[in-house]
Amino acid sequence: MNVTHSLFAMLGIAIGLALGLLLLLSLFRISGAFSGASKRDGTPSDEDAGQQLAQAVIRRARRMPGRNN
């Protein structure tokens, strides 16, 4: 095996390890292991805070005068 074959082999192994790590991290993110604050400490996660803000904006818009609802 010459030098170029060994370089390509090392490059392929490095790319495979990087893709495997990204896949593993995305699976953990989907499962919720790293998403926002944990529910145990009582603080809402970023998604919950965003939904609460959106609901407040919608409620405020419904109460605005001058709209034909």
C-alpha atoms as a PDB file:
ATOM      1  CA  MET A   1       0.000   0.000   0.000  1.00  0.00           C
ATOM      2  CA  ASN A   2       1.548   3.281  -1.036  1.00  0.00           C
ATOM      3  CA  VAL A   3       1.280   6.683   0.622  1.00  0.00           C
ATOM      4  CA  THR A   4      -1.787   7.923  -1.272  1.00  0.00           C
ATOM      5  CA  HIS A   5      -3.769   4.817  -0.399  1.00  0.00           C
ATOM      6  CA  SER A   6      -2.996   5.212   3.290  1.00  0.00           C
ATOM      7  CA  LEU A   7      -3.902   8.926   3.172  1.00  0.00           C
ATOM      8  CA  PHE A   8      -7.229   8.141   1.518  1.00  0.00           C
ATOM      9  CA  ALA A   9      -7.842   5.408   4.077  1.00  0.00           C
ATOM     10  CA  MET A  10      -7.192   7.788   6.975  1.00  0.00           C
ATOM     11  CA  LEU A  11      -9.397  10.434   5.326  1.00  0.00           C
ATOM     12  CA  GLY A  12     -12.205   7.920   4.892  1.00  0.00           C
ATOM     13  CA  ILE A  13     -11.950   6.798   8.508  1.00  0.00           C
ATOM     14  CA  ALA A  14     -11.987  10.421   9.720  1.00  0.00           C
ATOM     15  CA  ILE A  15     -15.037  11.270   7.607  1.00  0.00           C
ATOM     16  CA  GLY A  16     -16.815   8.126   8.799  1.00  0.00           C
ATOM     17  CA  LEU A  17     -16.122   8.924  12.435  1.00  0.00           C
ATOM     18  CA  ALA A  18     -17.307  12.518  12.000  1.00  0.00           C
ATOM     19  CA  LEU A  19     -20.543  11.428  10.313  1.00  0.00           C
ATOM     20  CA  GLY A  20     -21.127   8.797  12.985  1.00  0.00           C
ATOM     21  CA  LEU A  21     -20.648  11.375  15.722  1.00  0.00           C
ATOM     22  CA  LEU A  22     -23.067  13.775  14.022  1.00  0.00           C
ATOM     23  CA  LEU A  23     -25.647  11.016  13.682  1.00  0.00           C
ATOM     24  CA  LEU A  24     -25.259  10.082  17.336  1.00  0.00           C
ATOM     25  CA  LEU A  25     -25.634  13.699  18.464  1.00  0.00           C
ATOM     26  CA  SER A  26     -28.698  14.217  16.292  1.00  0.00           C
ATOM     27  CA  LEU A  27     -30.316  11.118  17.759  1.00  0.00           C
ATOM     28  CA  PHE A  28     -29.678  12.425  21.270  1.00  0.00           C
ATOM     29  CA  ARG A  29     -31.102  15.811  20.294  1.00  0.00           C
ATOM     30  CA  ILE A  30     -34.227  14.183  18.848  1.00  0.00           C
ATOM     31  CA  SER A  31     -34.697  12.136  22.009  1.00  0.00           C
ATOM     32  CA  GLY A  32     -34.579  15.340  24.071  1.00  0.00           C
ATOM     33  CA  ALA A  33     -31.423  14.649  26.037  1.00  0.00           C
ATOM     34  CA  PHE A  34     -29.916  18.045  25.192  1.00  0.00           C
ATOM     35  CA  SER A  35     -33.017  20.135  24.461  1.00  0.00           C
ATOM     36  CA  GLY A  36     -33.392  23.217  26.633  1.00  0.00           C
ATOM     37  CA  ALA A  37     -33.695  23.067  30.385  1.00  0.00           C
ATOM     38  CA  SER A  38     -34.675  19.855  32.023  1.00  0.00           C
ATOM     39  CA  LYS A  39     -38.215  19.507  33.322  1.00  0.00           C
ATOM     40  CA  ARG A  40     -36.984  18.452  36.753  1.00  0.00           C
ATOM     41  CA  ASP A  41     -35.824  21.910  37.829  1.00  0.00           C
ATOM     42  CA  GLY A  42     -39.184  23.487  37.019  1.00  0.00           C
ATOM     43  CA  THR A  43     -37.953  25.995  34.474  1.00  0.00           C
ATOM     44  CA  PRO A  44     -39.617  25.910  31.059  1.00  0.00           C
ATOM     45  CA  SER A  45     -37.569  24.960  28.043  1.00  0.00           C
ATOM     46  CA  ASP A  46     -36.989  27.388  25.182  1.00  0.00           C
ATOM     47  CA  GLU A  47     -39.725  25.750  23.133  1.00  0.00           C
ATOM     48  CA  ASP A  48     -42.271  26.147  25.942  1.00  0.00           C
ATOM     49  CA  ALA A  49     -41.338  29.797  26.441  1.00  0.00           C
ATOM     50  CA  GLY A  50     -41.684  30.442  22.703  1.00  0.00           C
ATOM     51  CA  GLN A  51     -45.108  28.820  22.601  1.00  0.00           C
ATOM     52  CA  GLN A  52     -46.278  30.839  25.599  1.00  0.00           C
ATOM     53  CA  LEU A  53     -45.076  34.044  23.942  1.00  0.00           C
ATOM     54  CA  ALA A  54     -46.849  33.173  20.694  1.00  0.00           C
ATOM     55  CA  GLN A  55     -50.087  32.450  22.553  1.00  0.00           C
ATOM     56  CA  ALA A  56     -49.851  35.766  24.414  1.00  0.00           C
ATOM     57  CA  VAL A  57     -49.322  37.650  21.146  1.00  0.00           C
ATOM     58  CA  ILE A  58     -52.326  35.916  19.564  1.00  0.00           C
ATOM     59  CA  ARG A  59     -54.533  36.725  22.582  1.00  0.00           C
ATOM     60  CA  ARG A  60     -53.389  40.362  22.464  1.00  0.00           C
ATOM     61  CA  ALA A  61     -54.113  40.599  18.735  1.00  0.00           C
ATOM     62  CA  ARG A  62     -57.629  39.237  19.224  1.00  0.00           C
ATOM     63  CA  ARG A  63     -58.406  41.966  21.775  1.00  0.00           C
ATOM     64  CA  MET A  64     -57.192  44.842  19.597  1.00  0.00           C
ATOM     65  CA  PRO A  65     -59.954  47.342  18.803  1.00  0.00           C
ATOM     66  CA  GLY A  66     -60.880  48.169  15.248  1.00  0.00           C
ATOM     67  CA  ARG A  67     -60.618  44.673  13.894  1.00  0.00           C
ATOM     68  CA  ASN A  68     -63.563  42.927  12.261  1.00  0.00           C
ATOM     69  CA  ASN A  69     -63.647  39.646  14.136  1.00  0.00           C
END
